[in-house]
N, C-alpha and C. Protein backbone atom coordinates (compact mmCIF):
# COMPACT_ATOMS: atom_id res chain seq x y z
N MET A 1 -8.95 -0.38 -11.70
CA MET A 1 -8.56 0.08 -10.39
C MET A 1 -9.79 0.54 -9.63
N LEU A 2 -9.70 0.54 -8.28
CA LEU A 2 -10.88 0.78 -7.47
C LEU A 2 -10.65 1.92 -6.51
N SER A 3 -11.73 2.59 -6.14
CA SER A 3 -11.67 3.67 -5.18
C SER A 3 -12.88 3.55 -4.25
N MET A 4 -12.70 3.97 -2.98
CA MET A 4 -13.82 3.97 -2.04
C MET A 4 -14.41 5.37 -1.96
N ARG A 5 -15.71 5.50 -2.22
CA ARG A 5 -16.41 6.76 -2.05
C ARG A 5 -17.80 6.47 -1.51
N SER A 6 -18.20 7.26 -0.51
CA SER A 6 -19.54 7.14 0.06
C SER A 6 -19.85 5.72 0.50
N GLY A 7 -18.82 5.03 1.02
CA GLY A 7 -19.04 3.71 1.56
C GLY A 7 -19.11 2.62 0.52
N HIS A 8 -18.91 2.95 -0.75
CA HIS A 8 -18.98 1.95 -1.80
C HIS A 8 -17.67 1.94 -2.57
N ILE A 9 -17.47 0.89 -3.32
CA ILE A 9 -16.26 0.77 -4.11
C ILE A 9 -16.62 0.99 -5.57
N HIS A 10 -15.91 1.90 -6.22
CA HIS A 10 -16.19 2.26 -7.60
C HIS A 10 -14.96 2.01 -8.45
N GLU A 11 -15.18 1.80 -9.73
CA GLU A 11 -14.06 1.72 -10.66
C GLU A 11 -13.47 3.10 -10.84
N LEU A 12 -12.15 3.16 -10.95
CA LEU A 12 -11.45 4.42 -11.13
C LEU A 12 -10.83 4.40 -12.52
N ASN A 13 -11.31 5.25 -13.41
CA ASN A 13 -10.82 5.27 -14.78
C ASN A 13 -9.58 6.15 -14.87
N MET A 14 -8.46 5.53 -15.17
CA MET A 14 -7.21 6.27 -15.27
C MET A 14 -6.54 5.93 -16.59
N PRO A 15 -6.16 6.94 -17.38
CA PRO A 15 -5.43 6.64 -18.61
C PRO A 15 -4.04 6.13 -18.30
N ILE A 16 -3.62 5.11 -19.00
CA ILE A 16 -2.30 4.52 -18.77
C ILE A 16 -1.38 4.95 -19.91
N ALA A 17 -0.31 5.66 -19.58
CA ALA A 17 0.64 6.13 -20.58
C ALA A 17 1.48 4.95 -21.07
N PRO A 18 1.93 5.01 -22.32
CA PRO A 18 2.80 3.93 -22.81
C PRO A 18 4.10 3.91 -22.04
N PRO A 19 4.70 2.73 -21.86
CA PRO A 19 5.95 2.64 -21.09
C PRO A 19 7.10 3.26 -21.86
N PRO A 20 8.13 3.73 -21.16
CA PRO A 20 9.33 4.20 -21.83
C PRO A 20 10.09 3.03 -22.43
N ALA A 21 11.22 3.33 -23.07
CA ALA A 21 12.05 2.26 -23.60
C ALA A 21 12.41 1.30 -22.48
N LEU A 22 12.44 0.01 -22.80
CA LEU A 22 12.60 -1.02 -21.76
C LEU A 22 14.06 -1.28 -21.41
N ASN A 23 14.28 -1.53 -20.13
CA ASN A 23 15.57 -1.95 -19.59
C ASN A 23 16.72 -1.03 -20.00
N ILE A 24 16.50 0.28 -19.90
CA ILE A 24 17.56 1.24 -20.12
C ILE A 24 18.33 1.41 -18.81
N ALA A 25 19.66 1.40 -18.89
CA ALA A 25 20.47 1.55 -17.68
C ALA A 25 20.12 2.84 -16.95
N ALA A 26 19.95 2.76 -15.64
CA ALA A 26 19.59 3.92 -14.82
C ALA A 26 20.36 3.86 -13.51
N PRO A 27 21.65 4.20 -13.56
CA PRO A 27 22.47 4.10 -12.33
C PRO A 27 21.89 4.87 -11.16
N GLN A 28 21.18 5.99 -11.45
CA GLN A 28 20.61 6.79 -10.36
C GLN A 28 19.55 6.03 -9.59
N ALA A 29 18.96 4.99 -10.23
CA ALA A 29 17.95 4.19 -9.54
C ALA A 29 18.54 3.46 -8.34
N LEU A 30 19.81 3.11 -8.42
CA LEU A 30 20.45 2.43 -7.29
C LEU A 30 20.55 3.37 -6.10
N ASP A 31 20.88 4.64 -6.36
CA ASP A 31 20.91 5.62 -5.27
C ASP A 31 19.53 5.75 -4.64
N LEU A 32 18.50 5.70 -5.46
CA LEU A 32 17.14 5.80 -4.96
C LEU A 32 16.82 4.62 -4.03
N LEU A 33 17.20 3.41 -4.45
CA LEU A 33 16.95 2.23 -3.63
C LEU A 33 17.72 2.28 -2.32
N LEU A 34 18.95 2.79 -2.38
CA LEU A 34 19.79 2.82 -1.19
C LEU A 34 19.40 3.93 -0.22
N SER A 35 18.59 4.88 -0.68
CA SER A 35 18.19 5.99 0.19
C SER A 35 16.73 5.93 0.60
N ARG A 36 15.99 4.91 0.13
CA ARG A 36 14.58 4.82 0.48
C ARG A 36 14.41 4.58 1.97
N ARG A 37 13.45 5.28 2.57
CA ARG A 37 13.21 5.17 4.01
C ARG A 37 11.73 5.35 4.28
N SER A 38 11.16 4.47 5.10
CA SER A 38 9.78 4.67 5.55
C SER A 38 9.75 5.72 6.65
N ALA A 39 8.54 6.18 6.95
CA ALA A 39 8.37 7.17 8.02
C ALA A 39 7.23 6.75 8.93
N LYS A 40 7.30 7.14 10.18
CA LYS A 40 6.19 6.91 11.09
C LYS A 40 4.98 7.73 10.61
N LEU A 41 3.79 7.18 10.84
CA LEU A 41 2.59 7.83 10.34
C LEU A 41 2.44 9.26 10.85
N LEU A 42 2.83 9.50 12.09
CA LEU A 42 2.68 10.83 12.67
C LEU A 42 3.56 11.86 11.97
N LEU A 43 4.56 11.40 11.21
CA LEU A 43 5.43 12.32 10.49
C LEU A 43 4.96 12.60 9.08
N LEU A 44 3.91 11.92 8.64
CA LEU A 44 3.42 12.10 7.27
C LEU A 44 2.36 13.19 7.23
N GLY A 45 2.36 13.96 6.13
CA GLY A 45 1.37 15.00 5.97
C GLY A 45 1.27 15.44 4.53
N GLU A 46 0.63 16.57 4.31
CA GLU A 46 0.49 17.13 2.98
C GLU A 46 1.83 17.73 2.52
N PRO A 47 2.04 17.84 1.21
CA PRO A 47 1.13 17.38 0.16
C PRO A 47 1.31 15.91 -0.16
N GLY A 48 0.27 15.35 -0.79
CA GLY A 48 0.35 14.00 -1.31
C GLY A 48 0.44 14.05 -2.83
N PRO A 49 0.45 12.88 -3.46
CA PRO A 49 0.54 12.86 -4.92
C PRO A 49 -0.71 13.43 -5.59
N SER A 50 -0.50 14.18 -6.66
CA SER A 50 -1.60 14.69 -7.47
C SER A 50 -2.25 13.53 -8.20
N PRO A 51 -3.43 13.74 -8.80
CA PRO A 51 -4.05 12.65 -9.58
C PRO A 51 -3.12 12.11 -10.67
N GLU A 52 -2.37 13.01 -11.31
CA GLU A 52 -1.46 12.57 -12.36
C GLU A 52 -0.32 11.74 -11.77
N ALA A 53 0.22 12.19 -10.65
CA ALA A 53 1.31 11.45 -10.00
C ALA A 53 0.80 10.10 -9.49
N LEU A 54 -0.43 10.08 -8.98
CA LEU A 54 -0.98 8.84 -8.48
C LEU A 54 -1.17 7.83 -9.62
N THR A 55 -1.60 8.32 -10.77
CA THR A 55 -1.73 7.43 -11.93
C THR A 55 -0.38 6.84 -12.30
N LYS A 56 0.64 7.68 -12.33
CA LYS A 56 1.98 7.20 -12.67
C LYS A 56 2.47 6.19 -11.63
N LEU A 57 2.18 6.47 -10.36
CA LEU A 57 2.61 5.60 -9.28
C LEU A 57 1.96 4.22 -9.39
N LEU A 58 0.65 4.20 -9.66
CA LEU A 58 -0.06 2.93 -9.77
C LEU A 58 0.35 2.16 -11.02
N THR A 59 0.67 2.91 -12.08
CA THR A 59 1.16 2.26 -13.29
C THR A 59 2.48 1.55 -13.01
N ALA A 60 3.37 2.22 -12.27
CA ALA A 60 4.63 1.60 -11.88
C ALA A 60 4.39 0.42 -10.95
N ALA A 61 3.40 0.55 -10.07
CA ALA A 61 3.11 -0.53 -9.11
C ALA A 61 2.73 -1.81 -9.82
N ALA A 62 2.01 -1.67 -10.93
CA ALA A 62 1.51 -2.85 -11.64
C ALA A 62 2.55 -3.51 -12.54
N ARG A 63 3.74 -2.90 -12.67
CA ARG A 63 4.79 -3.47 -13.51
C ARG A 63 5.68 -4.39 -12.65
N VAL A 64 5.12 -5.47 -12.23
CA VAL A 64 5.86 -6.43 -11.38
C VAL A 64 5.87 -7.79 -12.05
N PRO A 65 6.78 -8.67 -11.63
CA PRO A 65 6.71 -10.05 -12.12
C PRO A 65 5.34 -10.65 -11.81
N ASP A 66 4.75 -11.26 -12.81
CA ASP A 66 3.39 -11.82 -12.68
C ASP A 66 3.32 -13.07 -13.54
N HIS A 67 3.77 -14.19 -12.97
CA HIS A 67 3.83 -15.45 -13.68
C HIS A 67 2.42 -15.84 -14.16
N GLY A 68 2.26 -16.02 -15.46
CA GLY A 68 0.96 -16.39 -16.01
C GLY A 68 0.07 -15.21 -16.34
N LYS A 69 0.55 -13.98 -16.08
CA LYS A 69 -0.25 -12.78 -16.35
C LYS A 69 -1.63 -12.87 -15.69
N LEU A 70 -1.65 -13.24 -14.44
CA LEU A 70 -2.91 -13.43 -13.71
C LEU A 70 -3.41 -12.15 -13.04
N THR A 71 -2.54 -11.15 -12.90
CA THR A 71 -2.86 -9.94 -12.13
C THR A 71 -3.49 -10.34 -10.78
N PRO A 72 -2.72 -11.02 -9.92
CA PRO A 72 -3.29 -11.53 -8.67
C PRO A 72 -3.31 -10.49 -7.55
N TRP A 73 -3.73 -9.29 -7.87
CA TRP A 73 -3.80 -8.19 -6.91
C TRP A 73 -4.68 -7.09 -7.50
N ARG A 74 -5.16 -6.21 -6.63
CA ARG A 74 -5.93 -5.04 -7.05
C ARG A 74 -5.74 -3.96 -5.99
N PHE A 75 -6.27 -2.76 -6.26
CA PHE A 75 -6.03 -1.62 -5.38
C PHE A 75 -7.35 -1.04 -4.85
N ILE A 76 -7.29 -0.54 -3.63
CA ILE A 76 -8.37 0.28 -3.06
C ILE A 76 -7.72 1.58 -2.60
N LEU A 77 -8.26 2.71 -3.06
CA LEU A 77 -7.70 4.02 -2.71
C LEU A 77 -8.51 4.67 -1.60
N PHE A 78 -7.79 5.28 -0.67
CA PHE A 78 -8.40 6.04 0.42
C PHE A 78 -7.87 7.47 0.32
N GLU A 79 -8.78 8.40 0.00
CA GLU A 79 -8.42 9.80 -0.14
C GLU A 79 -9.51 10.65 0.48
N GLY A 80 -9.18 11.89 0.83
CA GLY A 80 -10.19 12.82 1.32
C GLY A 80 -10.97 12.27 2.50
N GLU A 81 -12.28 12.47 2.48
CA GLU A 81 -13.12 12.07 3.61
C GLU A 81 -13.25 10.56 3.76
N ALA A 82 -12.88 9.80 2.72
CA ALA A 82 -12.92 8.34 2.83
C ALA A 82 -12.00 7.85 3.93
N ARG A 83 -10.94 8.59 4.21
CA ARG A 83 -10.00 8.19 5.27
C ARG A 83 -10.67 8.26 6.64
N ALA A 84 -11.48 9.30 6.86
CA ALA A 84 -12.20 9.42 8.12
C ALA A 84 -13.30 8.37 8.23
N ARG A 85 -13.97 8.07 7.11
CA ARG A 85 -14.99 7.04 7.14
C ARG A 85 -14.40 5.68 7.48
N PHE A 86 -13.19 5.43 6.97
CA PHE A 86 -12.56 4.16 7.29
C PHE A 86 -12.19 4.12 8.77
N GLY A 87 -11.75 5.25 9.33
CA GLY A 87 -11.46 5.30 10.75
C GLY A 87 -12.69 5.01 11.60
N LYS A 88 -13.82 5.53 11.18
CA LYS A 88 -15.07 5.24 11.91
C LYS A 88 -15.39 3.76 11.83
N LEU A 89 -15.15 3.14 10.68
CA LEU A 89 -15.37 1.71 10.53
C LEU A 89 -14.50 0.93 11.51
N LEU A 90 -13.25 1.37 11.68
CA LEU A 90 -12.35 0.68 12.61
C LEU A 90 -12.87 0.78 14.04
N VAL A 91 -13.28 1.96 14.43
CA VAL A 91 -13.78 2.17 15.79
C VAL A 91 -15.04 1.35 16.02
N ASP A 92 -15.96 1.38 15.08
CA ASP A 92 -17.20 0.62 15.22
C ASP A 92 -16.94 -0.88 15.30
N SER A 93 -15.97 -1.35 14.53
CA SER A 93 -15.65 -2.78 14.52
C SER A 93 -15.09 -3.21 15.87
N LEU A 94 -14.24 -2.40 16.46
CA LEU A 94 -13.67 -2.75 17.76
C LEU A 94 -14.71 -2.69 18.86
N ARG A 95 -15.61 -1.73 18.79
CA ARG A 95 -16.61 -1.56 19.85
C ARG A 95 -17.59 -2.73 19.92
N GLU A 96 -17.63 -3.53 18.88
CA GLU A 96 -18.51 -4.69 18.92
C GLU A 96 -18.00 -5.76 19.87
N THR A 97 -16.69 -5.75 20.14
CA THR A 97 -16.11 -6.82 20.95
C THR A 97 -15.35 -6.33 22.18
N GLU A 98 -15.12 -5.03 22.30
CA GLU A 98 -14.36 -4.55 23.45
C GLU A 98 -14.76 -3.12 23.80
N LEU A 99 -14.45 -2.73 25.04
CA LEU A 99 -14.74 -1.39 25.52
C LEU A 99 -13.55 -0.50 25.21
N LEU A 100 -13.76 0.54 24.39
CA LEU A 100 -12.66 1.39 23.96
C LEU A 100 -12.56 2.63 24.83
N SER A 101 -11.35 2.96 25.21
CA SER A 101 -11.13 4.24 25.89
C SER A 101 -11.19 5.35 24.85
N PRO A 102 -11.44 6.59 25.28
CA PRO A 102 -11.44 7.70 24.32
C PRO A 102 -10.11 7.81 23.57
N GLU A 103 -9.01 7.52 24.26
CA GLU A 103 -7.70 7.61 23.63
C GLU A 103 -7.54 6.56 22.53
N ARG A 104 -7.97 5.34 22.82
CA ARG A 104 -7.86 4.28 21.81
C ARG A 104 -8.78 4.57 20.63
N ALA A 105 -9.99 5.08 20.91
CA ALA A 105 -10.91 5.40 19.82
C ALA A 105 -10.34 6.49 18.93
N ALA A 106 -9.70 7.49 19.53
CA ALA A 106 -9.09 8.56 18.74
C ALA A 106 -7.94 8.03 17.91
N GLN A 107 -7.16 7.11 18.48
CA GLN A 107 -6.03 6.54 17.75
C GLN A 107 -6.50 5.76 16.52
N GLU A 108 -7.52 4.92 16.72
CA GLU A 108 -8.01 4.11 15.61
C GLU A 108 -8.73 4.96 14.58
N GLY A 109 -9.46 5.96 15.05
CA GLY A 109 -10.24 6.77 14.12
C GLY A 109 -9.41 7.67 13.22
N THR A 110 -8.18 7.93 13.64
CA THR A 110 -7.33 8.85 12.86
C THR A 110 -6.18 8.13 12.15
N ARG A 111 -6.18 6.81 12.14
CA ARG A 111 -5.07 6.06 11.56
C ARG A 111 -4.78 6.47 10.11
N PHE A 112 -5.84 6.71 9.35
CA PHE A 112 -5.66 6.98 7.92
C PHE A 112 -5.70 8.48 7.60
N LEU A 113 -5.68 9.32 8.63
CA LEU A 113 -5.77 10.76 8.40
C LEU A 113 -4.42 11.45 8.30
N HIS A 114 -3.36 10.76 8.66
CA HIS A 114 -2.04 11.40 8.65
C HIS A 114 -1.52 11.56 7.22
N ALA A 115 -1.57 10.51 6.43
CA ALA A 115 -1.11 10.57 5.05
C ALA A 115 -2.25 11.02 4.14
N PRO A 116 -1.98 11.86 3.15
CA PRO A 116 -3.04 12.31 2.24
C PRO A 116 -3.65 11.20 1.41
N VAL A 117 -2.86 10.17 1.11
CA VAL A 117 -3.33 9.06 0.29
C VAL A 117 -2.89 7.74 0.91
N VAL A 118 -3.79 6.79 0.96
CA VAL A 118 -3.45 5.42 1.39
C VAL A 118 -3.92 4.48 0.29
N ILE A 119 -3.03 3.58 -0.09
CA ILE A 119 -3.37 2.59 -1.12
C ILE A 119 -3.44 1.22 -0.45
N GLY A 120 -4.60 0.60 -0.52
CA GLY A 120 -4.74 -0.77 -0.06
C GLY A 120 -4.41 -1.72 -1.21
N VAL A 121 -3.45 -2.60 -0.99
CA VAL A 121 -3.09 -3.59 -2.00
C VAL A 121 -3.72 -4.91 -1.60
N ILE A 122 -4.59 -5.42 -2.45
CA ILE A 122 -5.34 -6.63 -2.16
C ILE A 122 -4.76 -7.80 -2.95
N SER A 123 -4.33 -8.82 -2.24
CA SER A 123 -3.86 -10.05 -2.88
C SER A 123 -5.07 -10.91 -3.23
N ARG A 124 -5.14 -11.35 -4.48
CA ARG A 124 -6.25 -12.21 -4.89
C ARG A 124 -5.70 -13.44 -5.61
N ALA A 125 -4.82 -14.13 -4.90
CA ALA A 125 -4.20 -15.34 -5.45
C ALA A 125 -5.26 -16.41 -5.69
N ARG A 126 -5.13 -17.10 -6.81
CA ARG A 126 -6.08 -18.14 -7.19
C ARG A 126 -5.53 -19.51 -6.81
N GLY A 127 -6.25 -20.21 -5.95
CA GLY A 127 -5.86 -21.56 -5.60
C GLY A 127 -6.22 -22.54 -6.71
N GLY A 128 -5.51 -23.65 -6.77
CA GLY A 128 -5.81 -24.68 -7.76
C GLY A 128 -5.40 -24.32 -9.17
N HIS A 129 -4.60 -23.28 -9.33
CA HIS A 129 -4.16 -22.87 -10.66
C HIS A 129 -2.80 -23.51 -10.95
N THR A 130 -2.44 -23.56 -12.23
CA THR A 130 -1.14 -24.11 -12.59
C THR A 130 0.00 -23.24 -12.06
N ILE A 131 -0.26 -21.95 -11.90
CA ILE A 131 0.73 -21.06 -11.28
C ILE A 131 0.62 -21.20 -9.77
N PRO A 132 1.70 -21.58 -9.08
CA PRO A 132 1.61 -21.79 -7.63
C PRO A 132 1.06 -20.55 -6.90
N GLU A 133 0.22 -20.79 -5.92
CA GLU A 133 -0.38 -19.69 -5.17
C GLU A 133 0.67 -18.83 -4.51
N TRP A 134 1.75 -19.47 -4.05
CA TRP A 134 2.82 -18.73 -3.38
C TRP A 134 3.42 -17.68 -4.31
N GLU A 135 3.59 -18.01 -5.59
CA GLU A 135 4.15 -17.05 -6.55
C GLU A 135 3.20 -15.88 -6.76
N GLN A 136 1.91 -16.15 -6.73
CA GLN A 136 0.93 -15.08 -6.88
C GLN A 136 0.96 -14.14 -5.67
N ILE A 137 1.14 -14.70 -4.48
CA ILE A 137 1.23 -13.89 -3.27
C ILE A 137 2.48 -13.02 -3.30
N LEU A 138 3.59 -13.60 -3.75
CA LEU A 138 4.82 -12.83 -3.86
C LEU A 138 4.66 -11.66 -4.83
N SER A 139 3.88 -11.87 -5.88
CA SER A 139 3.64 -10.79 -6.84
C SER A 139 2.94 -9.61 -6.17
N ALA A 140 2.00 -9.88 -5.28
CA ALA A 140 1.32 -8.80 -4.54
C ALA A 140 2.30 -8.07 -3.64
N GLY A 141 3.23 -8.81 -3.03
CA GLY A 141 4.25 -8.17 -2.21
C GLY A 141 5.14 -7.27 -3.05
N ALA A 142 5.45 -7.72 -4.28
CA ALA A 142 6.25 -6.90 -5.18
C ALA A 142 5.52 -5.62 -5.56
N VAL A 143 4.20 -5.68 -5.69
CA VAL A 143 3.40 -4.48 -5.96
C VAL A 143 3.59 -3.46 -4.83
N CYS A 144 3.51 -3.93 -3.59
CA CYS A 144 3.70 -3.03 -2.45
C CYS A 144 5.08 -2.37 -2.50
N GLN A 145 6.11 -3.16 -2.80
CA GLN A 145 7.45 -2.61 -2.86
C GLN A 145 7.59 -1.61 -4.00
N ASN A 146 6.98 -1.88 -5.14
CA ASN A 146 7.03 -0.94 -6.25
C ASN A 146 6.39 0.40 -5.88
N ILE A 147 5.31 0.34 -5.10
CA ILE A 147 4.67 1.58 -4.67
C ILE A 147 5.62 2.39 -3.80
N LEU A 148 6.31 1.71 -2.88
CA LEU A 148 7.27 2.41 -2.02
C LEU A 148 8.34 3.11 -2.85
N ILE A 149 8.88 2.38 -3.82
CA ILE A 149 9.96 2.93 -4.63
C ILE A 149 9.46 4.05 -5.54
N ALA A 150 8.31 3.85 -6.17
CA ALA A 150 7.76 4.87 -7.05
C ALA A 150 7.43 6.15 -6.28
N ALA A 151 6.88 6.00 -5.08
CA ALA A 151 6.57 7.18 -4.25
C ALA A 151 7.85 7.94 -3.93
N HIS A 152 8.90 7.21 -3.58
CA HIS A 152 10.19 7.84 -3.29
C HIS A 152 10.72 8.56 -4.51
N ALA A 153 10.59 7.94 -5.67
CA ALA A 153 11.08 8.55 -6.91
C ALA A 153 10.33 9.84 -7.23
N LEU A 154 9.07 9.92 -6.82
CA LEU A 154 8.25 11.11 -7.07
C LEU A 154 8.41 12.18 -6.00
N GLY A 155 9.26 11.92 -4.99
CA GLY A 155 9.52 12.92 -3.97
C GLY A 155 8.68 12.79 -2.72
N PHE A 156 7.97 11.67 -2.57
CA PHE A 156 7.15 11.44 -1.38
C PHE A 156 7.80 10.39 -0.48
N VAL A 157 7.18 10.18 0.66
CA VAL A 157 7.58 9.11 1.56
C VAL A 157 6.39 8.16 1.69
N ALA A 158 6.66 6.86 1.64
CA ALA A 158 5.59 5.86 1.74
C ALA A 158 5.94 4.85 2.82
N THR A 159 4.93 4.43 3.55
CA THR A 159 5.09 3.46 4.62
C THR A 159 4.11 2.31 4.41
N TRP A 160 4.62 1.10 4.46
CA TRP A 160 3.84 -0.13 4.22
C TRP A 160 3.48 -0.73 5.56
N LEU A 161 2.17 -0.79 5.86
CA LEU A 161 1.69 -1.33 7.12
C LEU A 161 0.50 -2.26 6.88
N THR A 162 0.19 -3.05 7.90
CA THR A 162 -1.06 -3.81 7.89
C THR A 162 -1.87 -3.40 9.12
N GLY A 163 -1.78 -4.14 10.21
CA GLY A 163 -2.55 -3.81 11.40
C GLY A 163 -3.64 -4.84 11.64
N TRP A 164 -4.23 -4.79 12.83
CA TRP A 164 -5.27 -5.77 13.21
C TRP A 164 -6.42 -5.77 12.21
N PHE A 165 -6.74 -4.59 11.67
CA PHE A 165 -7.90 -4.45 10.79
C PHE A 165 -7.69 -5.10 9.43
N ALA A 166 -6.45 -5.45 9.11
CA ALA A 166 -6.20 -6.16 7.85
C ALA A 166 -6.69 -7.61 7.93
N TYR A 167 -7.10 -8.04 9.13
CA TYR A 167 -7.54 -9.43 9.33
C TYR A 167 -8.93 -9.50 9.98
N HIS A 168 -9.58 -8.36 10.16
CA HIS A 168 -10.86 -8.33 10.86
C HIS A 168 -12.00 -8.59 9.88
N PRO A 169 -12.85 -9.58 10.15
CA PRO A 169 -13.91 -9.94 9.18
C PRO A 169 -14.82 -8.78 8.80
N LYS A 170 -15.23 -7.96 9.77
CA LYS A 170 -16.14 -6.86 9.45
C LYS A 170 -15.47 -5.85 8.54
N VAL A 171 -14.21 -5.55 8.79
CA VAL A 171 -13.48 -4.59 7.97
C VAL A 171 -13.32 -5.13 6.55
N LEU A 172 -12.95 -6.40 6.46
CA LEU A 172 -12.75 -7.01 5.14
C LEU A 172 -14.05 -7.02 4.34
N ALA A 173 -15.16 -7.30 5.03
CA ALA A 173 -16.45 -7.31 4.34
C ALA A 173 -16.82 -5.91 3.86
N ALA A 174 -16.57 -4.90 4.69
CA ALA A 174 -16.90 -3.52 4.32
C ALA A 174 -16.06 -3.05 3.14
N LEU A 175 -14.86 -3.59 3.00
CA LEU A 175 -13.99 -3.25 1.88
C LEU A 175 -14.33 -4.03 0.62
N GLY A 176 -15.23 -4.98 0.75
CA GLY A 176 -15.65 -5.74 -0.42
C GLY A 176 -14.70 -6.84 -0.83
N LEU A 177 -13.91 -7.35 0.11
CA LEU A 177 -13.00 -8.43 -0.23
C LEU A 177 -13.77 -9.72 -0.46
N ALA A 178 -13.46 -10.38 -1.56
CA ALA A 178 -14.10 -11.64 -1.88
C ALA A 178 -13.40 -12.78 -1.16
N GLU A 179 -14.01 -13.96 -1.18
CA GLU A 179 -13.41 -15.12 -0.55
C GLU A 179 -12.05 -15.39 -1.20
N GLY A 180 -11.05 -15.60 -0.37
CA GLY A 180 -9.71 -15.86 -0.87
C GLY A 180 -8.85 -14.62 -1.03
N GLU A 181 -9.47 -13.43 -0.99
CA GLU A 181 -8.69 -12.20 -1.07
C GLU A 181 -8.15 -11.83 0.30
N ARG A 182 -6.96 -11.24 0.32
CA ARG A 182 -6.32 -10.82 1.56
C ARG A 182 -5.65 -9.47 1.35
N ILE A 183 -5.47 -8.75 2.43
CA ILE A 183 -4.80 -7.46 2.35
C ILE A 183 -3.30 -7.68 2.44
N ALA A 184 -2.60 -7.32 1.37
CA ALA A 184 -1.14 -7.42 1.38
C ALA A 184 -0.53 -6.26 2.14
N GLY A 185 -1.20 -5.13 2.13
CA GLY A 185 -0.69 -3.99 2.87
C GLY A 185 -1.46 -2.73 2.57
N PHE A 186 -1.36 -1.78 3.50
CA PHE A 186 -1.85 -0.43 3.30
C PHE A 186 -0.61 0.46 3.16
N ILE A 187 -0.49 1.14 2.02
CA ILE A 187 0.67 1.98 1.77
C ILE A 187 0.27 3.43 1.98
N HIS A 188 0.80 4.05 3.03
CA HIS A 188 0.51 5.43 3.38
C HIS A 188 1.52 6.34 2.69
N ILE A 189 1.04 7.34 1.94
CA ILE A 189 1.93 8.17 1.12
C ILE A 189 1.70 9.64 1.44
N GLY A 190 2.80 10.35 1.71
CA GLY A 190 2.70 11.78 1.98
C GLY A 190 4.07 12.41 1.97
N THR A 191 4.16 13.57 2.61
CA THR A 191 5.41 14.32 2.72
C THR A 191 5.81 14.36 4.19
N PRO A 192 7.07 14.05 4.50
CA PRO A 192 7.47 14.03 5.91
C PRO A 192 7.48 15.42 6.52
N ALA A 193 7.05 15.52 7.77
CA ALA A 193 7.03 16.80 8.47
C ALA A 193 8.36 17.12 9.12
N ALA A 194 9.27 16.15 9.12
CA ALA A 194 10.60 16.34 9.71
C ALA A 194 11.59 15.47 8.95
N PRO A 195 12.87 15.81 8.98
CA PRO A 195 13.86 14.99 8.29
C PRO A 195 13.84 13.54 8.79
N LEU A 196 14.00 12.61 7.87
CA LEU A 196 14.00 11.20 8.25
C LEU A 196 15.38 10.79 8.74
N GLU A 197 15.40 9.87 9.67
CA GLU A 197 16.65 9.35 10.21
C GLU A 197 16.86 7.92 9.74
N GLU A 198 18.09 7.57 9.48
CA GLU A 198 18.40 6.20 9.08
C GLU A 198 18.21 5.27 10.27
N ARG A 199 17.92 4.02 9.97
CA ARG A 199 17.82 3.01 11.02
C ARG A 199 18.84 1.91 10.75
N PRO A 200 19.13 1.07 11.73
CA PRO A 200 20.09 -0.02 11.50
C PRO A 200 19.62 -0.93 10.38
N ARG A 201 20.56 -1.36 9.56
CA ARG A 201 20.27 -2.25 8.44
C ARG A 201 20.93 -3.61 8.66
N PRO A 202 20.44 -4.65 7.98
CA PRO A 202 21.00 -6.00 8.21
C PRO A 202 22.47 -6.09 7.82
N ASP A 203 23.18 -6.97 8.51
CA ASP A 203 24.57 -7.27 8.21
C ASP A 203 24.60 -8.32 7.09
N LEU A 204 24.99 -7.91 5.90
CA LEU A 204 24.97 -8.82 4.77
C LEU A 204 25.87 -10.03 4.99
N ALA A 205 26.96 -9.83 5.71
CA ALA A 205 27.89 -10.93 5.93
C ALA A 205 27.21 -12.09 6.67
N ALA A 206 26.19 -11.77 7.46
CA ALA A 206 25.48 -12.81 8.22
C ALA A 206 24.34 -13.43 7.41
N LEU A 207 24.07 -12.89 6.23
CA LEU A 207 22.91 -13.32 5.47
C LEU A 207 23.26 -13.99 4.14
N VAL A 208 24.48 -13.79 3.66
CA VAL A 208 24.83 -14.24 2.32
C VAL A 208 25.73 -15.48 2.39
N THR A 209 25.35 -16.50 1.67
CA THR A 209 26.21 -17.67 1.48
C THR A 209 26.34 -17.94 -0.01
N ARG A 210 27.31 -18.74 -0.37
CA ARG A 210 27.49 -19.10 -1.77
C ARG A 210 27.40 -20.61 -1.91
N PHE A 211 26.73 -21.04 -2.93
CA PHE A 211 26.53 -22.48 -3.17
C PHE A 211 27.74 -23.06 -3.92
């Protein structure tokens, strides 16, 4: 696993606990799935997950379907002052091509300051492999979803976003993305500052057919 500190990416050594018994019925997990809700960034704040909780969360994130055991994803962590450094990178990247108002600069510079922890999920699907690239990309998406669910289970709120900077060459280079790697999402994790409200959900009757 990886972490950003002082503008560089370092390996993050985390002990991985053995998994519990496999496929034990957990009816309460359905309630968790049915009550999961994202939050707007401005509603996220302290506290965030402790180092121990973050280890557990990332361990759960990595337990996804992975055809061929390729591990076609990796993580970049943004914590503490690294969040402000990333905001400065965003502002500097935009200023190379456009004139920023003070308001826009403040918005971009503080994007990662609302949540105590942000996890960047990097898709690193391998082309030309016997495992279809599309399946590898889906596995990275499943990682993002596992993070959302695990954060909810631990009592936090998580929001999955991308943004213009997930596709900006300078930002990708600064994050150390290799050729073929892409950002699957930035997962912002914290505690909501106000009660969350439900939003409209899809009408299953319009989405489900039987063969």
